Amino acid sequence: QVQLVESGGGLVQPGGSLRLSCAASGSMFSFYNINWYRQAPGKERELVARISSGGSTNYADSAKGRFTISRDNAASTAYLRMNSLKPEDTAVYFCNAASGSYIFWGQGTQVTVSS
């Protein structure tokens, strides 16, 4: 069992930056692939970035060049650094931990990009 808690969201102006954290409790964090998703009002949840247990990363086209996913296994925490934020990045951001058939979700953190 893994419990995930996201933090770091908030209100930021266009062009600004935020760093989201996904803190995990429970065992074996390093064995899980970590994914960041987001869901804007009226839209489906979409994958933003992922980092494998081995550290390989992938990004949605909308995130490439602006977002960076990372993980600190010793701290059982994953991060999503978001730069050059745009109003269309406004959404609730969720992290999940996945390994085989096991998937755990956090409760989400709101990111609002507005002037």
PDB file of N, CA and C in Angstrom:
ATOM      1  N   GLN A   1       0.850  -1.188   0.000  1.00  0.00           N
ATOM      2  CA  GLN A   1       0.000   0.000   0.000  1.00  0.00           C
ATOM      3  C   GLN A   1       0.889   1.243   0.000  1.00  0.00           C
ATOM      4  N   VAL A   2       0.535   2.209  -0.829  1.00  0.00           N
ATOM      5  CA  VAL A   2       1.265   3.471  -0.912  1.00  0.00           C
ATOM      6  C   VAL A   2       0.279   4.608  -0.779  1.00  0.00           C
ATOM      7  N   GLN A   3       0.558   5.536   0.097  1.00  0.00           N
ATOM      8  CA  GLN A   3      -0.245   6.743   0.209  1.00  0.00           C
ATOM      9  C   GLN A   3       0.544   7.893  -0.397  1.00  0.00           C
ATOM     10  N   LEU A   4      -0.119   8.662  -1.237  1.00  0.00           N
ATOM     11  CA  LEU A   4       0.523   9.769  -1.940  1.00  0.00           C
ATOM     12  C   LEU A   4      -0.137  11.087  -1.559  1.00  0.00           C
ATOM     13  N   VAL A   5       0.689  12.096  -1.323  1.00  0.00           N
ATOM     14  CA  VAL A   5       0.181  13.423  -0.990  1.00  0.00           C
ATOM     15  C   VAL A   5       0.879  14.439  -1.875  1.00  0.00           C
ATOM     16  N   GLU A   6       0.096  15.123  -2.708  1.00  0.00           N
ATOM     17  CA  GLU A   6       0.639  16.169  -3.561  1.00  0.00           C
ATOM     18  C   GLU A   6       0.612  17.504  -2.829  1.00  0.00           C
ATOM     19  N   SER A   7       1.563  18.348  -3.162  1.00  0.00           N
ATOM     20  CA  SER A   7       1.606  19.705  -2.610  1.00  0.00           C
ATOM     21  C   SER A   7       2.340  20.601  -3.594  1.00  0.00           C
ATOM     22  N   GLY A   8       2.274  21.905  -3.344  1.00  0.00           N
ATOM     23  CA  GLY A   8       3.019  22.855  -4.159  1.00  0.00           C
ATOM     24  C   GLY A   8       2.193  23.612  -5.175  1.00  0.00           C
ATOM     25  N   GLY A   9       0.926  23.276  -5.292  1.00  0.00           N
ATOM     26  CA  GLY A   9       0.081  23.999  -6.218  1.00  0.00           C
ATOM     27  C   GLY A   9      -0.233  25.390  -5.709  1.00  0.00           C
ATOM     28  N   GLY A  10      -0.893  26.162  -6.563  1.00  0.00           N
ATOM     29  CA  GLY A  10      -1.276  27.511  -6.161  1.00  0.00           C
ATOM     30  C   GLY A  10      -1.600  28.362  -7.360  1.00  0.00           C
ATOM     31  N   LEU A  11      -1.684  29.652  -7.103  1.00  0.00           N
ATOM     32  CA  LEU A  11      -1.973  30.640  -8.146  1.00  0.00           C
ATOM     33  C   LEU A  11      -0.657  31.261  -8.605  1.00  0.00           C
ATOM     34  N   VAL A  12      -0.441  31.267  -9.901  1.00  0.00           N
ATOM     35  CA  VAL A  12       0.789  31.833 -10.459  1.00  0.00           C
ATOM     36  C   VAL A  12       0.453  32.595 -11.728  1.00  0.00           C
ATOM     37  N   GLN A  13       1.211  33.620 -12.009  1.00  0.00           N
ATOM     38  CA  GLN A  13       0.991  34.404 -13.220  1.00  0.00           C
ATOM     39  C   GLN A  13       1.556  33.671 -14.445  1.00  0.00           C
ATOM     40  N   PRO A  14       1.012  33.957 -15.606  1.00  0.00           N
ATOM     41  CA  PRO A  14       1.589  33.364 -16.833  1.00  0.00           C
ATOM     42  C   PRO A  14       3.083  33.670 -16.919  1.00  0.00           C
ATOM     43  N   GLY A  15       3.838  32.645 -17.322  1.00  0.00           N
ATOM     44  CA  GLY A  15       5.285  32.761 -17.374  1.00  0.00           C
ATOM     45  C   GLY A  15       5.979  32.371 -16.090  1.00  0.00           C
ATOM     46  N   GLY A  16       5.215  32.169 -15.044  1.00  0.00           N
ATOM     47  CA  GLY A  16       5.795  31.813 -13.755  1.00  0.00           C
ATOM     48  C   GLY A  16       6.120  30.335 -13.641  1.00  0.00           C
ATOM     49  N   SER A  17       6.578  29.956 -12.446  1.00  0.00           N
ATOM     50  CA  SER A  17       7.008  28.580 -12.196  1.00  0.00           C
ATOM     51  C   SER A  17       6.416  28.061 -10.897  1.00  0.00           C
ATOM     52  N   LEU A  18       6.278  26.760 -10.852  1.00  0.00           N
ATOM     53  CA  LEU A  18       5.889  26.063  -9.638  1.00  0.00           C
ATOM     54  C   LEU A  18       6.624  24.730  -9.593  1.00  0.00           C
ATOM     55  N   ARG A  19       6.826  24.254  -8.387  1.00  0.00           N
ATOM     56  CA  ARG A  19       7.332  22.895  -8.223  1.00  0.00           C
ATOM     57  C   ARG A  19       6.344  22.104  -7.388  1.00  0.00           C
ATOM     58  N   LEU A  20       5.793  21.076  -7.985  1.00  0.00           N
ATOM     59  CA  LEU A  20       4.871  20.183  -7.288  1.00  0.00           C
ATOM     60  C   LEU A  20       5.649  19.038  -6.670  1.00  0.00           C
ATOM     61  N   SER A  21       5.181  18.608  -5.512  1.00  0.00           N
ATOM     62  CA  SER A  21       5.780  17.463  -4.834  1.00  0.00           C
ATOM     63  C   SER A  21       4.745  16.364  -4.672  1.00  0.00           C
ATOM     64  N   CYS A  22       5.215  15.154  -4.693  1.00  0.00           N
ATOM     65  CA  CYS A  22       4.376  13.974  -4.495  1.00  0.00           C
ATOM     66  C   CYS A  22       5.091  13.119  -3.453  1.00  0.00           C
ATOM     67  N   ALA A  23       4.650  13.243  -2.222  1.00  0.00           N
ATOM     68  CA  ALA A  23       5.301  12.540  -1.116  1.00  0.00           C
ATOM     69  C   ALA A  23       4.590  11.217  -0.857  1.00  0.00           C
ATOM     70  N   ALA A  24       5.376  10.164  -0.766  1.00  0.00           N
ATOM     71  CA  ALA A  24       4.816   8.825  -0.593  1.00  0.00           C
ATOM     72  C   ALA A  24       5.137   8.270   0.780  1.00  0.00           C
ATOM     73  N   SER A  25       4.178   7.613   1.346  1.00  0.00           N
ATOM     74  CA  SER A  25       4.416   6.835   2.554  1.00  0.00           C
ATOM     75  C   SER A  25       4.151   5.383   2.221  1.00  0.00           C
ATOM     76  N   GLY A  26       4.707   4.503   2.998  1.00  0.00           N
ATOM     77  CA  GLY A  26       4.632   3.093   2.646  1.00  0.00           C
ATOM     78  C   GLY A  26       5.965   2.650   2.106  1.00  0.00           C
ATOM     79  N   SER A  27       6.028   1.419   1.744  1.00  0.00           N
ATOM     80  CA  SER A  27       7.318   0.844   1.398  1.00  0.00           C
ATOM     81  C   SER A  27       7.543   0.783  -0.102  1.00  0.00           C
ATOM     82  N   MET A  28       8.771   0.627  -0.460  1.00  0.00           N
ATOM     83  CA  MET A  28       9.167   0.282  -1.825  1.00  0.00           C
ATOM     84  C   MET A  28       8.874   1.369  -2.842  1.00  0.00           C
ATOM     85  N   PHE A  29       8.974   2.621  -2.444  1.00  0.00           N
ATOM     86  CA  PHE A  29       8.731   3.727  -3.374  1.00  0.00           C
ATOM     87  C   PHE A  29       9.596   3.588  -4.622  1.00  0.00           C
ATOM     88  N   SER A  30      10.822   3.180  -4.454  1.00  0.00           N
ATOM     89  CA  SER A  30      11.759   3.144  -5.584  1.00  0.00           C
ATOM     90  C   SER A  30      11.352   2.139  -6.648  1.00  0.00           C
ATOM     91  N   PHE A  31      10.483   1.216  -6.316  1.00  0.00           N
ATOM     92  CA  PHE A  31      10.067   0.211  -7.282  1.00  0.00           C
ATOM     93  C   PHE A  31       8.932   0.681  -8.191  1.00  0.00           C
ATOM     94  N   TYR A  32       8.342   1.817  -7.853  1.00  0.00           N
ATOM     95  CA  TYR A  32       7.172   2.290  -8.591  1.00  0.00           C
ATOM     96  C   TYR A  32       7.557   3.279  -9.684  1.00  0.00           C
ATOM     97  N   ASN A  33       6.868   3.180 -10.814  1.00  0.00           N
ATOM     98  CA  ASN A  33       6.871   4.248 -11.794  1.00  0.00           C
ATOM     99  C   ASN A  33       5.953   5.354 -11.263  1.00  0.00           C
ATOM    100  N   ILE A  34       6.364   6.584 -11.439  1.00  0.00           N
ATOM    101  CA  ILE A  34       5.585   7.714 -10.950  1.00  0.00           C
ATOM    102  C   ILE A  34       5.087   8.536 -12.139  1.00  0.00           C
ATOM    103  N   ASN A  35       3.822   8.820 -12.131  1.00  0.00           N
ATOM    104  CA  ASN A  35       3.192   9.572 -13.212  1.00  0.00           C
ATOM    105  C   ASN A  35       2.511  10.818 -12.661  1.00  0.00           C
ATOM    106  N   TRP A  36       2.637  11.898 -13.389  1.00  0.00           N
ATOM    107  CA  TRP A  36       1.871  13.111 -13.085  1.00  0.00           C
ATOM    108  C   TRP A  36       0.794  13.263 -14.155  1.00  0.00           C
ATOM    109  N   TYR A  37      -0.436  13.414 -13.694  1.00  0.00           N
ATOM    110  CA  TYR A  37      -1.583  13.671 -14.554  1.00  0.00           C
ATOM    111  C   TYR A  37      -2.167  15.030 -14.182  1.00  0.00           C
ATOM    112  N   ARG A  38      -2.996  15.539 -15.063  1.00  0.00           N
ATOM    113  CA  ARG A  38      -3.758  16.740 -14.734  1.00  0.00           C
ATOM    114  C   ARG A  38      -5.152  16.622 -15.332  1.00  0.00           C
ATOM    115  N   GLN A  39      -6.066  17.338 -14.687  1.00  0.00           N
ATOM    116  CA  GLN A  39      -7.442  17.362 -15.170  1.00  0.00           C
ATOM    117  C   GLN A  39      -7.988  18.757 -15.045  1.00  0.00           C
ATOM    118  N   ALA A  40      -8.304  19.337 -16.178  1.00  0.00           N
ATOM    119  CA  ALA A  40      -8.916  20.665 -16.210  1.00  0.00           C
ATOM    120  C   ALA A  40     -10.431  20.503 -16.183  1.00  0.00           C
ATOM    121  N   PRO A  41     -11.144  21.534 -15.742  1.00  0.00           N
ATOM    122  CA  PRO A  41     -12.610  21.444 -15.682  1.00  0.00           C
ATOM    123  C   PRO A  41     -13.211  21.070 -17.029  1.00  0.00           C
ATOM    124  N   GLY A  42     -14.070  20.072 -17.031  1.00  0.00           N
ATOM    125  CA  GLY A  42     -14.748  19.665 -18.247  1.00  0.00           C
ATOM    126  C   GLY A  42     -13.908  18.847 -19.194  1.00  0.00           C
ATOM    127  N   LYS A  43     -12.689  18.501 -18.791  1.00  0.00           N
ATOM    128  CA  LYS A  43     -11.802  17.739 -19.663  1.00  0.00           C
ATOM    129  C   LYS A  43     -11.401  16.428 -19.002  1.00  0.00           C
ATOM    130  N   GLU A  44     -10.922  15.502 -19.822  1.00  0.00           N
ATOM    131  CA  GLU A  44     -10.464  14.233 -19.298  1.00  0.00           C
ATOM    132  C   GLU A  44      -9.099  14.395 -18.644  1.00  0.00           C
ATOM    133  N   ARG A  45      -8.806  13.487 -17.723  1.00  0.00           N
ATOM    134  CA  ARG A  45      -7.499  13.472 -17.103  1.00  0.00           C
ATOM    135  C   ARG A  45      -6.462  13.093 -18.159  1.00  0.00           C
ATOM    136  N   GLU A  46      -5.347  13.813 -18.171  1.00  0.00           N
ATOM    137  CA  GLU A  46      -4.324  13.534 -19.165  1.00  0.00           C
ATOM    138  C   GLU A  46      -2.959  13.368 -18.504  1.00  0.00           C
ATOM    139  N   LEU A  47      -2.158  12.494 -19.092  1.00  0.00           N
ATOM    140  CA  LEU A  47      -0.819  12.264 -18.592  1.00  0.00           C
ATOM    141  C   LEU A  47       0.084  13.428 -18.983  1.00  0.00           C
ATOM    142  N   VAL A  48       0.831  13.930 -18.021  1.00  0.00           N
ATOM    143  CA  VAL A  48       1.728  15.059 -18.250  1.00  0.00           C
ATOM    144  C   VAL A  48       3.179  14.587 -18.356  1.00  0.00           C
ATOM    145  N   ALA A  49       3.586  13.748 -17.406  1.00  0.00           N
ATOM    146  CA  ALA A  49       4.971  13.292 -17.375  1.00  0.00           C
ATOM    147  C   ALA A  49       5.053  12.014 -16.562  1.00  0.00           C
ATOM    148  N   ARG A  50       6.064  11.221 -16.851  1.00  0.00           N
ATOM    149  CA  ARG A  50       6.273  10.006 -16.079  1.00  0.00           C
ATOM    150  C   ARG A  50       7.770   9.778 -15.895  1.00  0.00           C
ATOM    151  N   ILE A  51       8.069   9.123 -14.790  1.00  0.00           N
ATOM    152  CA  ILE A  51       9.453   8.721 -14.528  1.00  0.00           C
ATOM    153  C   ILE A  51       9.410   7.282 -14.057  1.00  0.00           C
ATOM    154  N   SER A  52      10.218   6.463 -14.687  1.00  0.00           N
ATOM    155  CA  SER A  52      10.208   5.049 -14.342  1.00  0.00           C
ATOM    156  C   SER A  52      10.988   4.804 -13.059  1.00  0.00           C
ATOM    157  N   SER A  53      10.881   3.581 -12.574  1.00  0.00           N
ATOM    158  CA  SER A  53      11.650   3.217 -11.390  1.00  0.00           C
ATOM    159  C   SER A  53      13.150   3.344 -11.652  1.00  0.00           C
ATOM    160  N   GLY A  54      13.538   3.220 -12.910  1.00  0.00           N
ATOM    161  CA  GLY A  54      14.944   3.338 -13.262  1.00  0.00           C
ATOM    162  C   GLY A  54      15.386   4.747 -13.604  1.00  0.00           C
ATOM    163  N   GLY A  55      14.440   5.676 -13.618  1.00  0.00           N
ATOM    164  CA  GLY A  55      14.773   7.077 -13.849  1.00  0.00           C
ATOM    165  C   GLY A  55      14.528   7.584 -15.257  1.00  0.00           C
ATOM    166  N   SER A  56      14.036   6.754 -16.153  1.00  0.00           N
ATOM    167  CA  SER A  56      13.714   7.222 -17.500  1.00  0.00           C
ATOM    168  C   SER A  56      12.484   8.117 -17.455  1.00  0.00           C
ATOM    169  N   THR A  57      12.487   9.146 -18.288  1.00  0.00           N
ATOM    170  CA  THR A  57      11.392  10.107 -18.263  1.00  0.00           C
ATOM    171  C   THR A  57      10.723  10.224 -19.631  1.00  0.00           C
ATOM    172  N   ASN A  58       9.446  10.564 -19.588  1.00  0.00           N
ATOM    173  CA  ASN A  58       8.665  10.847 -20.791  1.00  0.00           C
ATOM    174  C   ASN A  58       7.730  12.001 -20.489  1.00  0.00           C
ATOM    175  N   TYR A  59       7.443  12.786 -21.522  1.00  0.00           N
ATOM    176  CA  TYR A  59       6.603  13.971 -21.347  1.00  0.00           C
ATOM    177  C   TYR A  59       5.547  14.045 -22.442  1.00  0.00           C
ATOM    178  N   ALA A  60       4.405  14.586 -22.083  1.00  0.00           N
ATOM    179  CA  ALA A  60       3.424  14.962 -23.084  1.00  0.00           C
ATOM    180  C   ALA A  60       3.997  16.106 -23.912  1.00  0.00           C
ATOM    181  N   ASP A  61       3.520  16.209 -25.137  1.00  0.00           N
ATOM    182  CA  ASP A  61       4.023  17.283 -26.007  1.00  0.00           C
ATOM    183  C   ASP A  61       3.827  18.650 -25.368  1.00  0.00           C
ATOM    184  N   SER A  62       2.739  18.812 -24.647  1.00  0.00           N
ATOM    185  CA  SER A  62       2.435  20.098 -24.025  1.00  0.00           C
ATOM    186  C   SER A  62       3.406  20.450 -22.904  1.00  0.00           C
ATOM    187  N   ALA A  63       4.111  19.445 -22.398  1.00  0.00           N
ATOM    188  CA  ALA A  63       5.021  19.649 -21.272  1.00  0.00           C
ATOM    189  C   ALA A  63       6.497  19.701 -21.685  1.00  0.00           C
ATOM    190  N   LYS A  64       6.796  19.210 -22.854  1.00  0.00           N
ATOM    191  CA  LYS A  64       8.193  19.132 -23.285  1.00  0.00           C
ATOM    192  C   LYS A  64       8.841  20.510 -23.326  1.00  0.00           C
ATOM    193  N   GLY A  65      10.025  20.593 -22.743  1.00  0.00           N
ATOM    194  CA  GLY A  65      10.773  21.838 -22.737  1.00  0.00           C
ATOM    195  C   GLY A  65      10.389  22.795 -21.630  1.00  0.00           C
ATOM    196  N   ARG A  66       9.284  22.516 -20.956  1.00  0.00           N
ATOM    197  CA  ARG A  66       8.836  23.415 -19.870  1.00  0.00           C
ATOM    198  C   ARG A  66       8.784  22.713 -18.519  1.00  0.00           C
ATOM    199  N   PHE A  67       8.432  21.433 -18.504  1.00  0.00           N
ATOM    200  CA  PHE A  67       8.266  20.679 -17.265  1.00  0.00           C
ATOM    201  C   PHE A  67       9.414  19.679 -17.106  1.00  0.00           C
ATOM    202  N   THR A  68       9.785  19.436 -15.869  1.00  0.00           N
ATOM    203  CA  THR A  68      10.803  18.440 -15.560  1.00  0.00           C
ATOM    204  C   THR A  68      10.319  17.568 -14.414  1.00  0.00           C
ATOM    205  N   ILE A  69      10.286  16.274 -14.648  1.00  0.00           N
ATOM    206  CA  ILE A  69       9.912  15.330 -13.595  1.00  0.00           C
ATOM    207  C   ILE A  69      11.188  14.734 -13.009  1.00  0.00           C
ATOM    208  N   SER A  70      11.179  14.529 -11.704  1.00  0.00           N
ATOM    209  CA  SER A  70      12.327  13.942 -11.036  1.00  0.00           C
ATOM    210  C   SER A  70      11.836  13.172  -9.816  1.00  0.00           C
ATOM    211  N   ARG A  71      12.755  12.434  -9.229  1.00  0.00           N
ATOM    212  CA  ARG A  71      12.393  11.668  -8.032  1.00  0.00           C
ATOM    213  C   ARG A  71      13.589  11.584  -7.111  1.00  0.00           C
ATOM    214  N   ASP A  72      13.298  11.494  -5.829  1.00  0.00           N
ATOM    215  CA  ASP A  72      14.292  11.301  -4.795  1.00  0.00           C
ATOM    216  C   ASP A  72      13.840  10.077  -4.001  1.00  0.00           C
ATOM    217  N   ASN A  73      14.406   8.949  -4.339  1.00  0.00           N
ATOM    218  CA  ASN A  73      13.944   7.710  -3.699  1.00  0.00           C
ATOM    219  C   ASN A  73      14.241   7.693  -2.199  1.00  0.00           C
ATOM    220  N   ALA A  74      15.326   8.312  -1.805  1.00  0.00           N
ATOM    221  CA  ALA A  74      15.659   8.345  -0.377  1.00  0.00           C
ATOM    222  C   ALA A  74      14.606   9.106   0.417  1.00  0.00           C
ATOM    223  N   ALA A  75      14.003  10.096  -0.225  1.00  0.00           N
ATOM    224  CA  ALA A  75      12.966  10.892   0.433  1.00  0.00           C
ATOM    225  C   ALA A  75      11.561  10.416   0.081  1.00  0.00           C
ATOM    226  N   SER A  76      11.477   9.370  -0.741  1.00  0.00           N
ATOM    227  CA  SER A  76      10.173   8.850  -1.196  1.00  0.00           C
ATOM    228  C   SER A  76       9.303   9.969  -1.764  1.00  0.00           C
ATOM    229  N   THR A  77       9.903  10.791  -2.578  1.00  0.00           N
ATOM    230  CA  THR A  77       9.197  11.952  -3.123  1.00  0.00           C
ATOM    231  C   THR A  77       9.519  12.115  -4.603  1.00  0.00           C
ATOM    232  N   ALA A  78       8.499  12.445  -5.364  1.00  0.00           N
ATOM    233  CA  ALA A  78       8.676  12.803  -6.764  1.00  0.00           C
ATOM    234  C   ALA A  78       8.296  14.269  -6.939  1.00  0.00           C
ATOM    235  N   TYR A  79       8.834  14.872  -7.967  1.00  0.00           N
ATOM    236  CA  TYR A  79       8.625  16.300  -8.195  1.00  0.00           C
ATOM    237  C   TYR A  79       8.224  16.549  -9.641  1.00  0.00           C
ATOM    238  N   LEU A  80       7.527  17.648  -9.829  1.00  0.00           N
ATOM    239  CA  LEU A  80       7.254  18.141 -11.173  1.00  0.00           C
ATOM    240  C   LEU A  80       7.557  19.629 -11.164  1.00  0.00           C
ATOM    241  N   ARG A  81       8.654  19.990 -11.801  1.00  0.00           N
ATOM    242  CA  ARG A  81       9.023  21.393 -11.929  1.00  0.00           C
ATOM    243  C   ARG A  81       8.367  21.920 -13.196  1.00  0.00           C
ATOM    244  N   MET A  82       7.609  22.993 -13.051  1.00  0.00           N
ATOM    245  CA  MET A  82       6.879  23.566 -14.183  1.00  0.00           C
ATOM    246  C   MET A  82       7.316  25.007 -14.394  1.00  0.00           C
ATOM    247  N   ASN A  83       7.871  25.277 -15.553  1.00  0.00           N
ATOM    248  CA  ASN A  83       8.311  26.617 -15.911  1.00  0.00           C
ATOM    249  C   ASN A  83       7.465  27.160 -17.058  1.00  0.00           C
ATOM    250  N   SER A  84       7.558  28.448 -17.276  1.00  0.00           N
ATOM    251  CA  SER A  84       6.856  29.100 -18.389  1.00  0.00           C
ATOM    252  C   SER A  84       5.386  28.687 -18.420  1.00  0.00           C
ATOM    253  N   LEU A  85       4.748  28.778 -17.284  1.00  0.00           N
ATOM    254  CA  LEU A  85       3.365  28.316 -17.183  1.00  0.00           C
ATOM    255  C   LEU A  85       2.416  29.175 -18.005  1.00  0.00           C
ATOM    256  N   LYS A  86       1.412  28.507 -18.533  1.00  0.00           N
ATOM    257  CA  LYS A  86       0.417  29.148 -19.395  1.00  0.00           C
ATOM    258  C   LYS A  86      -0.962  28.977 -18.768  1.00  0.00           C
ATOM    259  N   PRO A  87      -1.921  29.830 -19.116  1.00  0.00           N
ATOM    260  CA  PRO A  87      -3.277  29.651 -18.583  1.00  0.00           C
ATOM    261  C   PRO A  87      -3.844  28.265 -18.867  1.00  0.00           C
ATOM    262  N   GLU A  88      -3.476  27.682 -19.981  1.00  0.00           N
ATOM    263  CA  GLU A  88      -3.995  26.351 -20.316  1.00  0.00           C
ATOM    264  C   GLU A  88      -3.390  25.241 -19.460  1.00  0.00           C
ATOM    265  N   ASP A  89      -2.415  25.567 -18.636  1.00  0.00           N
ATOM    266  CA  ASP A  89      -1.884  24.596 -17.679  1.00  0.00           C
ATOM    267  C   ASP A  89      -2.747  24.512 -16.415  1.00  0.00           C
ATOM    268  N   THR A  90      -3.728  25.385 -16.308  1.00  0.00           N
ATOM    269  CA  THR A  90      -4.614  25.371 -15.152  1.00  0.00           C
ATOM    270  C   THR A  90      -5.360  24.045 -15.062  1.00  0.00           C
ATOM    271  N   ALA A  91      -5.238  23.388 -13.922  1.00  0.00           N
ATOM    272  CA  ALA A  91      -5.836  22.070 -13.735  1.00  0.00           C
ATOM    273  C   ALA A  91      -5.553  21.597 -12.318  1.00  0.00           C
ATOM    274  N   VAL A  92      -6.195  20.510 -11.952  1.00  0.00           N
ATOM    275  CA  VAL A  92      -5.794  19.769 -10.756  1.00  0.00           C
ATOM    276  C   VAL A  92      -4.752  18.755 -11.196  1.00  0.00           C
ATOM    277  N   TYR A  93      -3.632  18.758 -10.504  1.00  0.00           N
ATOM    278  CA  TYR A  93      -2.527  17.861 -10.835  1.00  0.00           C
ATOM    279  C   TYR A  93      -2.492  16.712  -9.829  1.00  0.00           C
ATOM    280  N   PHE A  94      -2.428  15.508 -10.370  1.00  0.00           N
ATOM    281  CA  PHE A  94      -2.412  14.291  -9.570  1.00  0.00           C
ATOM    282  C   PHE A  94      -1.128  13.516  -9.847  1.00  0.00           C
ATOM    283  N   CYS A  95      -0.608  12.860  -8.823  1.00  0.00           N
ATOM    284  CA  CYS A  95       0.453  11.905  -9.075  1.00  0.00           C
ATOM    285  C   CYS A  95      -0.094  10.504  -8.816  1.00  0.00           C
ATOM    286  N   ASN A  96       0.473   9.535  -9.503  1.00  0.00           N
ATOM    287  CA  ASN A  96       0.185   8.156  -9.158  1.00  0.00           C
ATOM    288  C   ASN A  96       1.457   7.339  -9.159  1.00  0.00           C
ATOM    289  N   ALA A  97       1.407   6.274  -8.425  1.00  0.00           N
ATOM    290  CA  ALA A  97       2.494   5.316  -8.349  1.00  0.00           C
ATOM    291  C   ALA A  97       1.985   4.009  -8.928  1.00  0.00           C
ATOM    292  N   ALA A  98       2.703   3.476  -9.875  1.00  0.00           N
ATOM    293  CA  ALA A  98       2.215   2.297 -10.579  1.00  0.00           C
ATOM    294  C   ALA A  98       3.309   1.243 -10.671  1.00  0.00           C
ATOM    295  N   SER A  99       2.897   0.009 -10.422  1.00  0.00           N
ATOM    296  CA  SER A  99       3.794  -1.123 -10.603  1.00  0.00           C
ATOM    297  C   SER A  99       2.934  -2.342 -10.877  1.00  0.00           C
ATOM    298  N   GLY A 100       3.022  -2.887 -12.079  1.00  0.00           N
ATOM    299  CA  GLY A 100       2.174  -4.009 -12.442  1.00  0.00           C
ATOM    300  C   GLY A 100       0.713  -3.610 -12.336  1.00  0.00           C
ATOM    301  N   SER A 101      -0.045  -4.389 -11.610  1.00  0.00           N
ATOM    302  CA  SER A 101      -1.475  -4.109 -11.455  1.00  0.00           C
ATOM    303  C   SER A 101      -1.764  -3.174 -10.288  1.00  0.00           C
ATOM    304  N   TYR A 102      -0.743  -2.739  -9.602  1.00  0.00           N
ATOM    305  CA  TYR A 102      -0.916  -1.851  -8.456  1.00  0.00           C
ATOM    306  C   TYR A 102      -0.796  -0.392  -8.902  1.00  0.00           C
ATOM    307  N   ILE A 103      -1.846   0.368  -8.633  1.00  0.00           N
ATOM    308  CA  ILE A 103      -1.842   1.793  -8.939  1.00  0.00           C
ATOM    309  C   ILE A 103      -2.429   2.530  -7.752  1.00  0.00           C
ATOM    310  N   PHE A 104      -1.712   3.551  -7.291  1.00  0.00           N
ATOM    311  CA  PHE A 104      -2.168   4.364  -6.175  1.00  0.00           C
ATOM    312  C   PHE A 104      -2.175   5.825  -6.614  1.00  0.00           C
ATOM    313  N   TRP A 105      -3.187   6.547  -6.169  1.00  0.00           N
ATOM    314  CA  TRP A 105      -3.369   7.943  -6.551  1.00  0.00           C
ATOM    315  C   TRP A 105      -3.324   8.844  -5.331  1.00  0.00           C
ATOM    316  N   GLY A 106      -2.842  10.053  -5.560  1.00  0.00           N
ATOM    317  CA  GLY A 106      -2.972  11.093  -4.554  1.00  0.00           C
ATOM    318  C   GLY A 106      -4.279  11.841  -4.737  1.00  0.00           C
ATOM    319  N   GLN A 107      -4.499  12.849  -3.889  1.00  0.00           N
ATOM    320  CA  GLN A 107      -5.764  13.574  -3.901  1.00  0.00           C
ATOM    321  C   GLN A 107      -5.751  14.776  -4.836  1.00  0.00           C
ATOM    322  N   GLY A 108      -4.573  15.143  -5.308  1.00  0.00           N
ATOM    323  CA  GLY A 108      -4.463  16.230  -6.262  1.00  0.00           C
ATOM    324  C   GLY A 108      -4.127  17.562  -5.619  1.00  0.00           C
ATOM    325  N   THR A 109      -3.552  18.447  -6.422  1.00  0.00           N
ATOM    326  CA  THR A 109      -3.270  19.813  -5.994  1.00  0.00           C
ATOM    327  C   THR A 109      -3.628  20.762  -7.139  1.00  0.00           C
ATOM    328  N   GLN A 110      -4.288  21.855  -6.785  1.00  0.00           N
ATOM    329  CA  GLN A 110      -4.788  22.787  -7.802  1.00  0.00           C
ATOM    330  C   GLN A 110      -3.674  23.717  -8.264  1.00  0.00           C
ATOM    331  N   VAL A 111      -3.549  23.855  -9.567  1.00  0.00           N
ATOM    332  CA  VAL A 111      -2.651  24.836 -10.181  1.00  0.00           C
ATOM    333  C   VAL A 111      -3.508  25.777 -11.020  1.00  0.00           C
ATOM    334  N   THR A 112      -3.404  27.049 -10.725  1.00  0.00           N
ATOM    335  CA  THR A 112      -4.144  28.062 -11.471  1.00  0.00           C
ATOM    336  C   THR A 112      -3.157  29.069 -12.031  1.00  0.00           C
ATOM    337  N   VAL A 113      -3.179  29.229 -13.344  1.00  0.00           N
ATOM    338  CA  VAL A 113      -2.290  30.175 -14.017  1.00  0.00           C
ATOM    339  C   VAL A 113      -3.148  31.312 -14.552  1.00  0.00           C
ATOM    340  N   SER A 114      -3.010  32.466 -13.948  1.00  0.00           N
ATOM    341  CA  SER A 114      -3.859  33.595 -14.294  1.00  0.00           C
ATOM    342  C   SER A 114      -3.196  34.883 -13.883  1.00  0.00           C
ATOM    343  N   SER A 115      -3.463  35.927 -14.657  1.00  0.00           N
ATOM    344  CA  SER A 115      -2.964  37.250 -14.296  1.00  0.00           C
ATOM    345  C   SER A 115      -4.016  38.013 -13.495  1.00  0.00           C
TER     346      SER A 115
END
